[in-house]
Amino acid sequence: MHLIATFTLKPGTSVEAYETWARTVDLPTVRALPSIAGFRVFRCTGLFGAEGSPPFGYVELIEVSDMDRFLADIAQPAMQEVAAAFGGMVDVTFLTAEELVA
């Protein structure tokens, strides 16, 4: 199972503050969870083949190896702190997704 998060920074949150937090707290903390097989964060830089700005600033791709374990992992106090900090900085939409394979 994959989770895809698309988000923009809330007014008052600087790119530098968010990206420093993402590199030093979010990425290492989430990657250390037993239920996570992969976690990457991307800054959106433009629209391919079109002018204008992307509809969001960042995308997270989270590969969950065990959803029940993931739900238990994110219920822990340390992850609740990470989630609260994240929610204070961004306006986010989470999508669940399954990869199509040939």
PDB file of N, CA and C in Angstrom:
ATOM      1  N   MET A   1       0.863  -1.177   0.000  1.00  0.00           N
ATOM      2  CA  MET A   1       0.000   0.000   0.000  1.00  0.00           C
ATOM      3  C   MET A   1       0.900   1.228   0.000  1.00  0.00           C
ATOM      4  N   HIS A   2       0.459   2.225  -0.699  1.00  0.00           N
ATOM      5  CA  HIS A   2       1.179   3.491  -0.721  1.00  0.00           C
ATOM      6  C   HIS A   2       0.272   4.608  -0.215  1.00  0.00           C
ATOM      7  N   LEU A   3       0.875   5.550   0.460  1.00  0.00           N
ATOM      8  CA  LEU A   3       0.223   6.804   0.809  1.00  0.00           C
ATOM      9  C   LEU A   3       0.919   7.887   0.019  1.00  0.00           C
ATOM     10  N   ILE A   4       0.140   8.762  -0.564  1.00  0.00           N
ATOM     11  CA  ILE A   4       0.670   9.907  -1.295  1.00  0.00           C
ATOM     12  C   ILE A   4       0.099  11.146  -0.624  1.00  0.00           C
ATOM     13  N   ALA A   5       0.991  12.018  -0.191  1.00  0.00           N
ATOM     14  CA  ALA A   5       0.560  13.272   0.430  1.00  0.00           C
ATOM     15  C   ALA A   5       0.938  14.416  -0.493  1.00  0.00           C
ATOM     16  N   THR A   6      -0.034  15.258  -0.790  1.00  0.00           N
ATOM     17  CA  THR A   6       0.234  16.493  -1.527  1.00  0.00           C
ATOM     18  C   THR A   6      -0.047  17.632  -0.575  1.00  0.00           C
ATOM     19  N   PHE A   7       0.854  18.631  -0.562  1.00  0.00           N
ATOM     20  CA  PHE A   7       0.645  19.701   0.402  1.00  0.00           C
ATOM     21  C   PHE A   7       1.331  20.994   0.003  1.00  0.00           C
ATOM     22  N   THR A   8       0.834  22.062   0.619  1.00  0.00           N
ATOM     23  CA  THR A   8       1.433  23.387   0.505  1.00  0.00           C
ATOM     24  C   THR A   8       1.769  23.862   1.913  1.00  0.00           C
ATOM     25  N   LEU A   9       2.736  24.739   1.996  1.00  0.00           N
ATOM     26  CA  LEU A   9       3.108  25.300   3.293  1.00  0.00           C
ATOM     27  C   LEU A   9       2.062  26.314   3.722  1.00  0.00           C
ATOM     28  N   LYS A  10       1.768  26.305   5.011  1.00  0.00           N
ATOM     29  CA  LYS A  10       0.831  27.287   5.563  1.00  0.00           C
ATOM     30  C   LYS A  10       1.486  28.663   5.572  1.00  0.00           C
ATOM     31  N   PRO A  11       0.677  29.726   5.481  1.00  0.00           N
ATOM     32  CA  PRO A  11       1.236  31.066   5.597  1.00  0.00           C
ATOM     33  C   PRO A  11       2.052  31.175   6.886  1.00  0.00           C
ATOM     34  N   GLY A  12       3.213  31.787   6.775  1.00  0.00           N
ATOM     35  CA  GLY A  12       4.087  31.947   7.931  1.00  0.00           C
ATOM     36  C   GLY A  12       5.115  30.849   8.085  1.00  0.00           C
ATOM     37  N   THR A  13       4.973  29.754   7.326  1.00  0.00           N
ATOM     38  CA  THR A  13       5.973  28.682   7.354  1.00  0.00           C
ATOM     39  C   THR A  13       6.935  28.902   6.200  1.00  0.00           C
ATOM     40  N   SER A  14       8.204  29.065   6.506  1.00  0.00           N
ATOM     41  CA  SER A  14       9.188  29.292   5.451  1.00  0.00           C
ATOM     42  C   SER A  14       9.632  27.969   4.844  1.00  0.00           C
ATOM     43  N   VAL A  15      10.046  28.036   3.593  1.00  0.00           N
ATOM     44  CA  VAL A  15      10.585  26.865   2.911  1.00  0.00           C
ATOM     45  C   VAL A  15      11.768  26.316   3.706  1.00  0.00           C
ATOM     46  N   GLU A  16      12.641  27.188   4.156  1.00  0.00           N
ATOM     47  CA  GLU A  16      13.837  26.763   4.887  1.00  0.00           C
ATOM     48  C   GLU A  16      13.460  26.035   6.179  1.00  0.00           C
ATOM     49  N   ALA A  17      12.509  26.571   6.928  1.00  0.00           N
ATOM     50  CA  ALA A  17      12.107  25.934   8.188  1.00  0.00           C
ATOM     51  C   ALA A  17      11.494  24.561   7.925  1.00  0.00           C
ATOM     52  N   TYR A  18      10.579  24.473   6.954  1.00  0.00           N
ATOM     53  CA  TYR A  18       9.960  23.183   6.657  1.00  0.00           C
ATOM     54  C   TYR A  18      11.010  22.177   6.178  1.00  0.00           C
ATOM     55  N   GLU A  19      11.841  22.567   5.219  1.00  0.00           N
ATOM     56  CA  GLU A  19      12.782  21.615   4.633  1.00  0.00           C
ATOM     57  C   GLU A  19      13.848  21.166   5.633  1.00  0.00           C
ATOM     58  N   THR A  20      14.264  22.045   6.517  1.00  0.00           N
ATOM     59  CA  THR A  20      15.194  21.641   7.573  1.00  0.00           C
ATOM     60  C   THR A  20      14.527  20.622   8.484  1.00  0.00           C
ATOM     61  N   TRP A  21      13.288  20.887   8.884  1.00  0.00           N
ATOM     62  CA  TRP A  21      12.536  19.959   9.731  1.00  0.00           C
ATOM     63  C   TRP A  21      12.335  18.628   9.010  1.00  0.00           C
ATOM     64  N   ALA A  22      11.975  18.672   7.728  1.00  0.00           N
ATOM     65  CA  ALA A  22      11.752  17.441   6.965  1.00  0.00           C
ATOM     66  C   ALA A  22      13.015  16.589   6.926  1.00  0.00           C
ATOM     67  N   ARG A  23      14.163  17.227   6.683  1.00  0.00           N
ATOM     68  CA  ARG A  23      15.431  16.483   6.583  1.00  0.00           C
ATOM     69  C   ARG A  23      15.906  15.944   7.930  1.00  0.00           C
ATOM     70  N   THR A  24      15.677  16.691   8.993  1.00  0.00           N
ATOM     71  CA  THR A  24      16.255  16.322  10.289  1.00  0.00           C
ATOM     72  C   THR A  24      15.302  15.563  11.205  1.00  0.00           C
ATOM     73  N   VAL A  25      13.992  15.701  10.983  1.00  0.00           N
ATOM     74  CA  VAL A  25      13.014  15.055  11.861  1.00  0.00           C
ATOM     75  C   VAL A  25      12.119  14.093  11.082  1.00  0.00           C
ATOM     76  N   ASP A  26      11.386  14.612  10.117  1.00  0.00           N
ATOM     77  CA  ASP A  26      10.351  13.816   9.442  1.00  0.00           C
ATOM     78  C   ASP A  26      10.929  12.612   8.703  1.00  0.00           C
ATOM     79  N   LEU A  27      11.850  12.849   7.788  1.00  0.00           N
ATOM     80  CA  LEU A  27      12.394  11.748   6.992  1.00  0.00           C
ATOM     81  C   LEU A  27      13.046  10.671   7.864  1.00  0.00           C
ATOM     82  N   PRO A  28      13.966  11.006   8.771  1.00  0.00           N
ATOM     83  CA  PRO A  28      14.565   9.924   9.565  1.00  0.00           C
ATOM     84  C   PRO A  28      13.587   9.230  10.509  1.00  0.00           C
ATOM     85  N   THR A  29      12.638   9.968  11.064  1.00  0.00           N
ATOM     86  CA  THR A  29      11.677   9.354  11.997  1.00  0.00           C
ATOM     87  C   THR A  29      10.753   8.389  11.276  1.00  0.00           C
ATOM     88  N   VAL A  30      10.173   8.821  10.168  1.00  0.00           N
ATOM     89  CA  VAL A  30       9.242   7.956   9.430  1.00  0.00           C
ATOM     90  C   VAL A  30       9.979   6.764   8.826  1.00  0.00           C
ATOM     91  N   ARG A  31      11.172   6.990   8.280  1.00  0.00           N
ATOM     92  CA  ARG A  31      11.930   5.881   7.691  1.00  0.00           C
ATOM     93  C   ARG A  31      12.297   4.817   8.723  1.00  0.00           C
ATOM     94  N   ALA A  32      12.387   5.198   9.986  1.00  0.00           N
ATOM     95  CA  ALA A  32      12.747   4.250  11.051  1.00  0.00           C
ATOM     96  C   ALA A  32      11.571   3.399  11.517  1.00  0.00           C
ATOM     97  N   LEU A  33      10.349   3.732  11.102  1.00  0.00           N
ATOM     98  CA  LEU A  33       9.187   2.953  11.531  1.00  0.00           C
ATOM     99  C   LEU A  33       9.247   1.548  10.935  1.00  0.00           C
ATOM    100  N   PRO A  34       8.960   0.524  11.727  1.00  0.00           N
ATOM    101  CA  PRO A  34       9.003  -0.855  11.218  1.00  0.00           C
ATOM    102  C   PRO A  34       8.045  -1.103  10.049  1.00  0.00           C
ATOM    103  N   SER A  35       6.984  -0.344   9.956  1.00  0.00           N
ATOM    104  CA  SER A  35       5.965  -0.554   8.921  1.00  0.00           C
ATOM    105  C   SER A  35       6.280   0.137   7.600  1.00  0.00           C
ATOM    106  N   ILE A  36       7.375   0.877   7.540  1.00  0.00           N
ATOM    107  CA  ILE A  36       7.691   1.669   6.352  1.00  0.00           C
ATOM    108  C   ILE A  36       8.761   0.988   5.506  1.00  0.00           C
ATOM    109  N   ALA A  37       8.439   0.765   4.237  1.00  0.00           N
ATOM    110  CA  ALA A  37       9.398   0.196   3.286  1.00  0.00           C
ATOM    111  C   ALA A  37      10.109   1.288   2.505  1.00  0.00           C
ATOM    112  N   GLY A  38       9.540   2.482   2.456  1.00  0.00           N
ATOM    113  CA  GLY A  38      10.160   3.596   1.744  1.00  0.00           C
ATOM    114  C   GLY A  38       9.425   4.887   2.030  1.00  0.00           C
ATOM    115  N   PHE A  39      10.178   5.982   2.053  1.00  0.00           N
ATOM    116  CA  PHE A  39       9.582   7.302   2.302  1.00  0.00           C
ATOM    117  C   PHE A  39      10.443   8.348   1.635  1.00  0.00           C
ATOM    118  N   ARG A  40       9.837   9.102   0.722  1.00  0.00           N
ATOM    119  CA  ARG A  40      10.544  10.162   0.001  1.00  0.00           C
ATOM    120  C   ARG A  40       9.674  11.408  -0.046  1.00  0.00           C
ATOM    121  N   VAL A  41      10.334  12.567  -0.021  1.00  0.00           N
ATOM    122  CA  VAL A  41       9.654  13.858  -0.105  1.00  0.00           C
ATOM    123  C   VAL A  41      10.214  14.599  -1.312  1.00  0.00           C
ATOM    124  N   PHE A  42       9.324  15.179  -2.100  1.00  0.00           N
ATOM    125  CA  PHE A  42       9.709  15.907  -3.302  1.00  0.00           C
ATOM    126  C   PHE A  42       9.173  17.330  -3.234  1.00  0.00           C
ATOM    127  N   ARG A  43       9.999  18.307  -3.610  1.00  0.00           N
ATOM    128  CA  ARG A  43       9.549  19.692  -3.769  1.00  0.00           C
ATOM    129  C   ARG A  43       9.106  19.837  -5.224  1.00  0.00           C
ATOM    130  N   CYS A  44       7.903  20.317  -5.461  1.00  0.00           N
ATOM    131  CA  CYS A  44       7.400  20.540  -6.818  1.00  0.00           C
ATOM    132  C   CYS A  44       8.057  21.802  -7.372  1.00  0.00           C
ATOM    133  N   THR A  45       8.573  21.691  -8.582  1.00  0.00           N
ATOM    134  CA  THR A  45       9.323  22.807  -9.158  1.00  0.00           C
ATOM    135  C   THR A  45       8.665  23.428 -10.382  1.00  0.00           C
ATOM    136  N   GLY A  46       7.620  22.826 -10.897  1.00  0.00           N
ATOM    137  CA  GLY A  46       6.960  23.391 -12.060  1.00  0.00           C
ATOM    138  C   GLY A  46       5.956  22.419 -12.639  1.00  0.00           C
ATOM    139  N   LEU A  47       5.380  22.814 -13.754  1.00  0.00           N
ATOM    140  CA  LEU A  47       4.447  21.977 -14.501  1.00  0.00           C
ATOM    141  C   LEU A  47       5.152  21.529 -15.779  1.00  0.00           C
ATOM    142  N   PHE A  48       5.125  20.263 -16.061  1.00  0.00           N
ATOM    143  CA  PHE A  48       5.764  19.750 -17.264  1.00  0.00           C
ATOM    144  C   PHE A  48       4.945  20.131 -18.490  1.00  0.00           C
ATOM    145  N   GLY A  49       5.570  20.812 -19.421  1.00  0.00           N
ATOM    146  CA  GLY A  49       4.916  21.166 -20.670  1.00  0.00           C
ATOM    147  C   GLY A  49       3.887  22.269 -20.574  1.00  0.00           C
ATOM    148  N   ALA A  50       3.872  22.983 -19.458  1.00  0.00           N
ATOM    149  CA  ALA A  50       2.886  24.051 -19.291  1.00  0.00           C
ATOM    150  C   ALA A  50       3.485  25.172 -18.445  1.00  0.00           C
ATOM    151  N   GLU A  51       2.902  26.332 -18.580  1.00  0.00           N
ATOM    152  CA  GLU A  51       3.314  27.458 -17.749  1.00  0.00           C
ATOM    153  C   GLU A  51       2.448  27.483 -16.499  1.00  0.00           C
ATOM    154  N   GLY A  52       2.894  28.239 -15.537  1.00  0.00           N
ATOM    155  CA  GLY A  52       2.129  28.369 -14.305  1.00  0.00           C
ATOM    156  C   GLY A  52       2.785  27.627 -13.163  1.00  0.00           C
ATOM    157  N   SER A  53       2.121  27.671 -12.044  1.00  0.00           N
ATOM    158  CA  SER A  53       2.638  27.058 -10.826  1.00  0.00           C
ATOM    159  C   SER A  53       1.940  25.724 -10.555  1.00  0.00           C
ATOM    160  N   PRO A  54       2.652  24.782  -9.935  1.00  0.00           N
ATOM    161  CA  PRO A  54       2.014  23.525  -9.551  1.00  0.00           C
ATOM    162  C   PRO A  54       0.894  23.783  -8.541  1.00  0.00           C
ATOM    163  N   PRO A  55      -0.094  22.896  -8.462  1.00  0.00           N
ATOM    164  CA  PRO A  55      -1.207  23.097  -7.530  1.00  0.00           C
ATOM    165  C   PRO A  55      -0.827  22.865  -6.070  1.00  0.00           C
ATOM    166  N   PHE A  56       0.362  22.326  -5.816  1.00  0.00           N
ATOM    167  CA  PHE A  56       0.850  22.122  -4.454  1.00  0.00           C
ATOM    168  C   PHE A  56       2.365  22.240  -4.480  1.00  0.00           C
ATOM    169  N   GLY A  57       2.967  22.418  -3.306  1.00  0.00           N
ATOM    170  CA  GLY A  57       4.401  22.651  -3.219  1.00  0.00           C
ATOM    171  C   GLY A  57       5.241  21.406  -3.044  1.00  0.00           C
ATOM    172  N   TYR A  58       4.651  20.368  -2.451  1.00  0.00           N
ATOM    173  CA  TYR A  58       5.411  19.160  -2.126  1.00  0.00           C
ATOM    174  C   TYR A  58       4.558  17.920  -2.316  1.00  0.00           C
ATOM    175  N   VAL A  59       5.256  16.798  -2.507  1.00  0.00           N
ATOM    176  CA  VAL A  59       4.618  15.486  -2.578  1.00  0.00           C
ATOM    177  C   VAL A  59       5.444  14.531  -1.716  1.00  0.00           C
ATOM    178  N   GLU A  60       4.764  13.741  -0.907  1.00  0.00           N
ATOM    179  CA  GLU A  60       5.408  12.661  -0.165  1.00  0.00           C
ATOM    180  C   GLU A  60       4.913  11.342  -0.721  1.00  0.00           C
ATOM    181  N   LEU A  61       5.835  10.404  -0.893  1.00  0.00           N
ATOM    182  CA  LEU A  61       5.492   9.043  -1.292  1.00  0.00           C
ATOM    183  C   LEU A  61       5.896   8.129  -0.146  1.00  0.00           C
ATOM    184  N   ILE A  62       4.918   7.466   0.431  1.00  0.00           N
ATOM    185  CA  ILE A  62       5.148   6.611   1.593  1.00  0.00           C
ATOM    186  C   ILE A  62       4.748   5.187   1.220  1.00  0.00           C
ATOM    187  N   GLU A  63       5.702   4.275   1.275  1.00  0.00           N
ATOM    188  CA  GLU A  63       5.434   2.872   0.979  1.00  0.00           C
ATOM    189  C   GLU A  63       5.258   2.134   2.300  1.00  0.00           C
ATOM    190  N   VAL A  64       4.039   1.672   2.542  1.00  0.00           N
ATOM    191  CA  VAL A  64       3.689   1.012   3.796  1.00  0.00           C
ATOM    192  C   VAL A  64       3.720  -0.499   3.573  1.00  0.00           C
ATOM    193  N   SER A  65       4.543  -1.201   4.352  1.00  0.00           N
ATOM    194  CA  SER A  65       4.652  -2.650   4.200  1.00  0.00           C
ATOM    195  C   SER A  65       3.553  -3.393   4.951  1.00  0.00           C
ATOM    196  N   ASP A  66       3.021  -2.779   6.006  1.00  0.00           N
ATOM    197  CA  ASP A  66       1.988  -3.434   6.823  1.00  0.00           C
ATOM    198  C   ASP A  66       1.086  -2.333   7.397  1.00  0.00           C
ATOM    199  N   MET A  67      -0.120  -2.225   6.871  1.00  0.00           N
ATOM    200  CA  MET A  67      -1.007  -1.131   7.263  1.00  0.00           C
ATOM    201  C   MET A  67      -1.413  -1.218   8.733  1.00  0.00           C
ATOM    202  N   ASP A  68      -1.691  -2.397   9.245  1.00  0.00           N
ATOM    203  CA  ASP A  68      -2.050  -2.516  10.664  1.00  0.00           C
ATOM    204  C   ASP A  68      -0.892  -2.043  11.544  1.00  0.00           C
ATOM    205  N   ARG A  69       0.307  -2.452  11.196  1.00  0.00           N
ATOM    206  CA  ARG A  69       1.486  -2.026  11.956  1.00  0.00           C
ATOM    207  C   ARG A  69       1.679  -0.514  11.820  1.00  0.00           C
ATOM    208  N   PHE A  70       1.445   0.024  10.619  1.00  0.00           N
ATOM    209  CA  PHE A  70       1.579   1.462  10.398  1.00  0.00           C
ATOM    210  C   PHE A  70       0.627   2.240  11.309  1.00  0.00           C
ATOM    211  N   LEU A  71      -0.612   1.785  11.390  1.00  0.00           N
ATOM    212  CA  LEU A  71      -1.582   2.462  12.257  1.00  0.00           C
ATOM    213  C   LEU A  71      -1.123   2.425  13.709  1.00  0.00           C
ATOM    214  N   ALA A  72      -0.524   1.319  14.135  1.00  0.00           N
ATOM    215  CA  ALA A  72       0.023   1.233  15.493  1.00  0.00           C
ATOM    216  C   ALA A  72       1.236   2.146  15.641  1.00  0.00           C
ATOM    217  N   ASP A  73       2.094   2.187  14.622  1.00  0.00           N
ATOM    218  CA  ASP A  73       3.284   3.043  14.665  1.00  0.00           C
ATOM    219  C   ASP A  73       2.916   4.517  14.801  1.00  0.00           C
ATOM    220  N   ILE A  74       1.945   4.967  14.022  1.00  0.00           N
ATOM    221  CA  ILE A  74       1.615   6.401  14.045  1.00  0.00           C
ATOM    222  C   ILE A  74       0.804   6.795  15.275  1.00  0.00           C
ATOM    223  N   ALA A  75       0.344   5.817  16.026  1.00  0.00           N
ATOM    224  CA  ALA A  75      -0.370   6.112  17.274  1.00  0.00           C
ATOM    225  C   ALA A  75       0.591   6.367  18.431  1.00  0.00           C
ATOM    226  N   GLN A  76       1.875   6.063  18.247  1.00  0.00           N
ATOM    227  CA  GLN A  76       2.862   6.247  19.304  1.00  0.00           C
ATOM    228  C   GLN A  76       3.114   7.742  19.549  1.00  0.00           C
ATOM    229  N   PRO A  77       3.439   8.124  20.789  1.00  0.00           N
ATOM    230  CA  PRO A  77       3.633   9.540  21.130  1.00  0.00           C
ATOM    231  C   PRO A  77       4.652  10.266  20.246  1.00  0.00           C
ATOM    232  N   ALA A  78       5.756   9.622  19.921  1.00  0.00           N
ATOM    233  CA  ALA A  78       6.774  10.290  19.087  1.00  0.00           C
ATOM    234  C   ALA A  78       6.212  10.637  17.713  1.00  0.00           C
ATOM    235  N   MET A  79       5.435   9.720  17.128  1.00  0.00           N
ATOM    236  CA  MET A  79       4.852  10.003  15.811  1.00  0.00           C
ATOM    237  C   MET A  79       3.714  11.005  15.914  1.00  0.00           C
ATOM    238  N   GLN A  80       3.015  11.031  17.023  1.00  0.00           N
ATOM    239  CA  GLN A  80       1.976  12.044  17.214  1.00  0.00           C
ATOM    240  C   GLN A  80       2.600  13.438  17.249  1.00  0.00           C
ATOM    241  N   GLU A  81       3.787  13.561  17.842  1.00  0.00           N
ATOM    242  CA  GLU A  81       4.504  14.840  17.858  1.00  0.00           C
ATOM    243  C   GLU A  81       4.929  15.246  16.451  1.00  0.00           C
ATOM    244  N   VAL A  82       5.441  14.286  15.682  1.00  0.00           N
ATOM    245  CA  VAL A  82       5.836  14.561  14.295  1.00  0.00           C
ATOM    246  C   VAL A  82       4.612  14.977  13.486  1.00  0.00           C
ATOM    247  N   ALA A  83       3.511  14.254  13.636  1.00  0.00           N
ATOM    248  CA  ALA A  83       2.282  14.568  12.898  1.00  0.00           C
ATOM    249  C   ALA A  83       1.755  15.952  13.273  1.00  0.00           C
ATOM    250  N   ALA A  84       1.822  16.302  14.549  1.00  0.00           N
ATOM    251  CA  ALA A  84       1.349  17.618  14.989  1.00  0.00           C
ATOM    252  C   ALA A  84       2.223  18.723  14.404  1.00  0.00           C
ATOM    253  N   ALA A  85       3.530  18.522  14.390  1.00  0.00           N
ATOM    254  CA  ALA A  85       4.432  19.521  13.810  1.00  0.00           C
ATOM    255  C   ALA A  85       4.163  19.670  12.316  1.00  0.00           C
ATOM    256  N   PHE A  86       3.988  18.547  11.627  1.00  0.00           N
ATOM    257  CA  PHE A  86       3.693  18.555  10.193  1.00  0.00           C
ATOM    258  C   PHE A  86       2.396  19.318   9.929  1.00  0.00           C
ATOM    259  N   GLY A  87       1.359  18.985  10.679  1.00  0.00           N
ATOM    260  CA  GLY A  87       0.064  19.642  10.513  1.00  0.00           C
ATOM    261  C   GLY A  87       0.101  21.132  10.819  1.00  0.00           C
ATOM    262  N   GLY A  88       1.020  21.550  11.666  1.00  0.00           N
ATOM    263  CA  GLY A  88       1.160  22.967  11.964  1.00  0.00           C
ATOM    264  C   GLY A  88       1.830  23.752  10.861  1.00  0.00           C
ATOM    265  N   MET A  89       2.545  23.044   9.976  1.00  0.00           N
ATOM    266  CA  MET A  89       3.287  23.712   8.904  1.00  0.00           C
ATOM    267  C   MET A  89       2.629  23.642   7.544  1.00  0.00           C
ATOM    268  N   VAL A  90       1.727  22.648   7.322  1.00  0.00           N
ATOM    269  CA  VAL A  90       1.235  22.395   5.974  1.00  0.00           C
ATOM    270  C   VAL A  90      -0.274  22.199   5.935  1.00  0.00           C
ATOM    271  N   ASP A  91      -0.831  22.416   4.748  1.00  0.00           N
ATOM    272  CA  ASP A  91      -2.194  22.016   4.420  1.00  0.00           C
ATOM    273  C   ASP A  91      -2.047  20.801   3.511  1.00  0.00           C
ATOM    274  N   VAL A  92      -2.527  19.648   3.957  1.00  0.00           N
ATOM    275  CA  VAL A  92      -2.199  18.380   3.302  1.00  0.00           C
ATOM    276  C   VAL A  92      -3.442  17.594   2.917  1.00  0.00           C
ATOM    277  N   THR A  93      -3.305  16.824   1.840  1.00  0.00           N
ATOM    278  CA  THR A  93      -4.277  15.818   1.433  1.00  0.00           C
ATOM    279  C   THR A  93      -3.529  14.502   1.326  1.00  0.00           C
ATOM    280  N   PHE A  94      -4.048  13.461   1.998  1.00  0.00           N
ATOM    281  CA  PHE A  94      -3.456  12.124   1.909  1.00  0.00           C
ATOM    282  C   PHE A  94      -4.314  11.251   1.015  1.00  0.00           C
ATOM    283  N   LEU A  95      -3.656  10.536   0.116  1.00  0.00           N
ATOM    284  CA  LEU A  95      -4.306   9.588  -0.776  1.00  0.00           C
ATOM    285  C   LEU A  95      -3.758   8.205  -0.502  1.00  0.00           C
ATOM    286  N   THR A  96      -4.597   7.184  -0.570  1.00  0.00           N
ATOM    287  CA  THR A  96      -4.100   5.814  -0.560  1.00  0.00           C
ATOM    288  C   THR A  96      -4.049   5.351  -2.009  1.00  0.00           C
ATOM    289  N   ALA A  97      -3.039   4.515  -2.322  1.00  0.00           N
ATOM    290  CA  ALA A  97      -2.867   4.096  -3.707  1.00  0.00           C
ATOM    291  C   ALA A  97      -2.279   2.697  -3.771  1.00  0.00           C
ATOM    292  N   GLU A  98      -2.632   2.001  -4.820  1.00  0.00           N
ATOM    293  CA  GLU A  98      -2.052   0.704  -5.129  1.00  0.00           C
ATOM    294  C   GLU A  98      -1.385   0.797  -6.486  1.00  0.00           C
ATOM    295  N   GLU A  99      -0.183   0.278  -6.568  1.00  0.00           N
ATOM    296  CA  GLU A  99       0.575   0.324  -7.806  1.00  0.00           C
ATOM    297  C   GLU A  99       0.018  -0.672  -8.819  1.00  0.00           C
ATOM    298  N   LEU A 100      -0.094  -0.250 -10.064  1.00  0.00           N
ATOM    299  CA  LEU A 100      -0.467  -1.152 -11.161  1.00  0.00           C
ATOM    300  C   LEU A 100       0.795  -1.817 -11.659  1.00  0.00           C
ATOM    301  N   VAL A 101       0.774  -3.113 -11.764  1.00  0.00           N
ATOM    302  CA  VAL A 101       1.945  -3.834 -12.260  1.00  0.00           C
ATOM    303  C   VAL A 101       1.549  -4.653 -13.476  1.00  0.00           C
ATOM    304  N   ALA A 102       2.506  -4.849 -14.365  1.00  0.00           N
ATOM    305  CA  ALA A 102       2.252  -5.622 -15.585  1.00  0.00           C
ATOM    306  C   ALA A 102       2.553  -7.085 -15.344  1.00  0.00           C
TER     307      ALA A 102
END
